[in-house]
Amino acid sequence: MTTHPYSIGMKAKAIYLLLIVGLLSSCKKETQTVDIEKRYTIEVPVSLTKTNNLNEEASLQYQDTFNDFFLIVIDEPKAAFIKALEQNSLGSTYKNNLEGYSKFITDGMDPSISIKKLPDFEETTINGLKARLLSFEGIAAGNKVYWKLAFIEGSTTYYQVMVWTHADNRKKSEKKMVAIIDSFKETDKSKTR
């Protein structure tokens, strides 16, 4: 029995194609898109697991305790910030904008966190939203920690995206931290918390 010369080539191509499809489908996605009540989305590394013990005000909390890597997002209606300024007579100290909000939050940081000096904010845009970024090291609970914070202005909400790790992990975690922050998207600009 003779085999048609093209049938071997076709079988080889079919096997090759199946291998490629198999390889592509077996590639693990490194991040997952997390959608918080249709208000915002953020890309979270699959190595992080959902938790609820990092910050009671956070609408999103993920951690990788093995690699000492943590992520939270806090979202607050702009109206609540305005009300806090008025009720505490802080309108002359903090502007009613993203700059005032970010300064208000950083001025009120937990005094148990030891930070030599906060750097200047970096002004930027994240997926069309005004943002202010901070990166710094400090001591928390006796551990050297590296933080990246983003204060983001949505249409009716201010967001705080905070990512932190042990300071020794700064170099290996920096790219992942930036990618998380840069992935933030406000999805429904009319919803408030």
Protein backbone atom coordinates (compact mmCIF):
# COMPACT_ATOMS: atom_id res chain seq x y z
CA MET A 1 0.00 0.00 0.00
CA THR A 2 1.40 3.34 -0.94
CA THR A 3 0.84 6.46 1.04
CA HIS A 4 0.11 9.64 -0.76
CA PRO A 5 3.04 12.02 -0.14
CA TYR A 6 0.72 14.84 0.91
CA SER A 7 -1.08 12.81 3.58
CA ILE A 8 2.03 12.57 5.79
CA GLY A 9 2.60 16.30 5.48
CA MET A 10 -1.01 17.02 6.33
CA LYS A 11 -0.88 14.74 9.38
CA ALA A 12 2.31 16.42 10.56
CA LYS A 13 0.72 19.85 10.12
CA ALA A 14 -2.38 18.74 12.00
CA ILE A 15 -0.28 17.39 14.89
CA TYR A 16 1.82 20.58 14.91
CA LEU A 17 -1.34 22.70 14.97
CA LEU A 18 -2.77 20.66 17.85
CA LEU A 19 0.49 21.07 19.78
CA ILE A 20 0.44 24.85 19.30
CA VAL A 21 -3.20 25.09 20.37
CA GLY A 22 -2.44 22.90 23.39
CA LEU A 23 0.54 25.01 24.37
CA LEU A 24 -1.38 28.24 24.03
CA SER A 25 -4.31 26.97 26.03
CA SER A 26 -2.04 25.60 28.74
CA CYS A 27 -0.28 28.93 29.22
CA LYS A 28 -1.47 30.25 32.53
CA LYS A 29 -2.77 33.77 32.67
CA GLU A 30 -0.71 35.71 35.17
CA THR A 31 -3.49 38.11 36.18
CA GLN A 32 -7.21 38.06 36.72
CA THR A 33 -9.57 40.96 36.18
CA VAL A 34 -11.42 41.75 39.39
CA ASP A 35 -14.65 43.72 39.00
CA ILE A 36 -15.94 45.47 42.11
CA GLU A 37 -19.70 45.93 41.84
CA LYS A 38 -19.40 47.28 38.29
CA ARG A 39 -17.73 50.41 39.75
CA TYR A 40 -14.12 49.62 38.87
CA THR A 41 -11.85 46.86 37.63
CA ILE A 42 -8.24 46.07 38.38
CA GLU A 43 -5.84 43.37 37.21
CA VAL A 44 -4.70 41.23 40.15
CA PRO A 45 -1.89 38.66 39.91
CA VAL A 46 -3.30 35.13 40.20
CA SER A 47 -0.78 34.45 42.99
CA LEU A 48 -2.81 36.77 45.25
CA THR A 49 -5.82 35.51 47.16
CA LYS A 50 -8.84 37.46 48.30
CA THR A 51 -8.90 38.40 51.97
CA ASN A 52 -10.87 40.67 54.29
CA ASN A 53 -8.44 41.42 57.10
CA LEU A 54 -6.13 44.11 55.68
CA ASN A 55 -8.34 47.20 55.97
CA GLU A 56 -12.00 47.34 56.98
CA GLU A 57 -12.64 50.32 54.68
CA ALA A 58 -11.24 48.61 51.58
CA SER A 59 -13.58 47.47 48.83
CA LEU A 60 -10.86 45.18 47.46
CA GLN A 61 -8.25 43.24 49.46
CA TYR A 62 -5.78 40.68 48.09
CA GLN A 63 -2.62 39.16 49.51
CA ASP A 64 0.19 36.72 48.87
CA THR A 65 1.53 36.04 52.36
CA PHE A 66 4.19 33.65 51.07
CA ASN A 67 5.76 36.45 48.99
CA ASP A 68 4.79 39.21 51.44
CA PHE A 69 2.74 41.13 48.84
CA PHE A 70 -0.48 43.01 49.59
CA LEU A 71 -3.06 45.07 47.69
CA ILE A 72 -6.07 47.10 48.78
CA VAL A 73 -8.37 49.61 47.11
CA ILE A 74 -10.39 52.11 49.11
CA ASP A 75 -13.06 54.12 47.34
CA GLU A 76 -14.78 57.12 48.88
CA PRO A 77 -17.50 59.35 47.43
CA LYS A 78 -16.27 62.86 46.74
CA ALA A 79 -19.31 64.14 48.66
CA ALA A 80 -18.05 62.39 51.82
CA PHE A 81 -14.68 64.15 51.51
CA ILE A 82 -16.38 67.52 51.04
CA LYS A 83 -18.58 66.85 54.09
CA ALA A 84 -15.53 65.88 56.20
CA LEU A 85 -13.77 69.12 55.23
CA GLU A 86 -16.83 71.20 56.13
CA GLN A 87 -17.62 69.41 59.41
CA ASN A 88 -14.03 69.71 60.62
CA SER A 89 -13.40 73.25 59.30
CA LEU A 90 -10.56 71.97 57.11
CA GLY A 91 -11.53 73.79 53.91
CA SER A 92 -8.66 76.25 54.30
CA THR A 93 -6.14 73.43 54.89
CA TYR A 94 -7.18 71.00 52.14
CA LYS A 95 -8.48 71.85 48.68
CA ASN A 96 -11.65 70.15 47.48
CA ASN A 97 -9.84 68.27 44.69
CA LEU A 98 -7.50 65.32 44.14
CA GLU A 99 -4.53 67.26 45.50
CA GLY A 100 -6.40 68.09 48.71
CA TYR A 101 -7.74 64.55 49.07
CA SER A 102 -4.32 62.92 48.66
CA LYS A 103 -2.72 65.37 51.08
CA PHE A 104 -5.54 64.81 53.60
CA ILE A 105 -5.00 61.03 53.46
CA THR A 106 -1.20 61.15 53.68
CA ASP A 107 -1.28 63.69 56.52
CA GLY A 108 -3.53 61.28 58.42
CA MET A 109 -1.37 58.20 57.92
CA ASP A 110 -1.05 55.88 60.90
CA PRO A 111 1.60 57.36 63.23
CA SER A 112 2.85 53.85 64.04
CA ILE A 113 4.27 53.74 60.50
CA SER A 114 7.72 55.29 60.54
CA ILE A 115 8.53 57.20 57.36
CA LYS A 116 11.52 59.53 57.23
CA LYS A 117 9.96 61.85 54.67
CA LEU A 118 7.27 61.35 52.07
CA PRO A 119 8.51 62.14 48.56
CA ASP A 120 6.70 64.58 46.30
CA PHE A 121 3.66 63.29 44.48
CA GLU A 122 4.02 62.27 40.85
CA GLU A 123 1.16 63.69 38.78
CA THR A 124 -0.09 61.31 36.09
CA THR A 125 -3.14 59.86 34.34
CA ILE A 126 -4.33 56.25 34.72
CA ASN A 127 -6.73 55.08 32.02
CA GLY A 128 -8.03 58.61 31.49
CA LEU A 129 -8.33 59.48 35.20
CA LYS A 130 -6.25 62.07 37.05
CA ALA A 131 -3.91 60.41 39.52
CA ARG A 132 -1.18 61.18 42.03
CA LEU A 133 1.43 58.56 42.88
CA LEU A 134 3.74 58.00 45.83
CA SER A 135 6.45 55.38 46.38
CA PHE A 136 8.32 55.17 49.67
CA GLU A 137 9.92 52.95 52.29
CA GLY A 138 9.21 52.91 55.98
CA ILE A 139 8.93 50.75 59.08
CA ALA A 140 5.63 49.13 60.08
CA ALA A 141 5.35 46.70 63.01
CA GLY A 142 9.15 46.48 63.07
CA ASN A 143 9.40 45.47 59.39
CA LYS A 144 10.92 47.44 56.53
CA VAL A 145 8.11 47.98 54.02
CA TYR A 146 7.95 49.41 50.50
CA TRP A 147 4.65 51.07 49.48
CA LYS A 148 3.25 52.30 46.18
CA LEU A 149 0.10 54.42 46.49
CA ALA A 150 -2.11 55.85 43.80
CA PHE A 151 -4.78 58.43 44.51
CA ILE A 152 -7.18 58.44 41.59
CA GLU A 153 -10.03 60.85 40.85
CA GLY A 154 -13.12 59.24 39.37
CA SER A 155 -16.24 61.08 38.30
CA THR A 156 -17.95 60.91 41.72
CA THR A 157 -15.38 58.93 43.73
CA TYR A 158 -11.81 59.15 44.98
CA TYR A 159 -9.87 55.89 44.93
CA GLN A 160 -6.77 54.83 46.85
CA VAL A 161 -4.85 51.92 45.36
CA MET A 162 -2.20 50.70 47.82
CA VAL A 163 0.31 47.97 47.11
CA TRP A 164 3.05 47.02 49.54
CA THR A 165 5.71 44.42 50.18
CA HIS A 166 8.80 43.88 52.31
CA ALA A 167 11.45 46.46 51.35
CA ASP A 168 13.86 43.65 50.38
CA ASN A 169 11.36 42.64 47.66
CA ARG A 170 11.22 46.11 46.12
CA LYS A 171 13.25 45.37 42.99
CA LYS A 172 11.51 42.10 42.12
CA SER A 173 8.03 43.51 42.89
CA GLU A 174 8.25 47.00 41.38
CA LYS A 175 7.09 46.05 37.88
CA LYS A 176 4.15 44.03 39.22
CA MET A 177 3.13 46.90 41.54
CA VAL A 178 3.15 49.41 38.69
CA ALA A 179 1.16 47.05 36.44
CA ILE A 180 -1.52 46.63 39.11
CA ILE A 181 -1.90 50.38 39.61
CA ASP A 182 -1.84 51.08 35.87
CA SER A 183 -4.60 48.52 35.29
CA PHE A 184 -7.16 50.39 37.41
CA LYS A 185 -10.27 51.42 35.44
CA GLU A 186 -13.43 53.12 36.61
CA THR A 187 -16.19 51.23 34.81
CA ASP A 188 -19.39 52.99 35.86
CA LYS A 189 -18.76 56.66 36.35
CA SER A 190 -22.21 57.27 37.82
CA LYS A 191 -22.10 54.80 40.71
CA THR A 192 -20.99 55.73 44.18
CA ARG A 193 -20.44 53.51 47.13
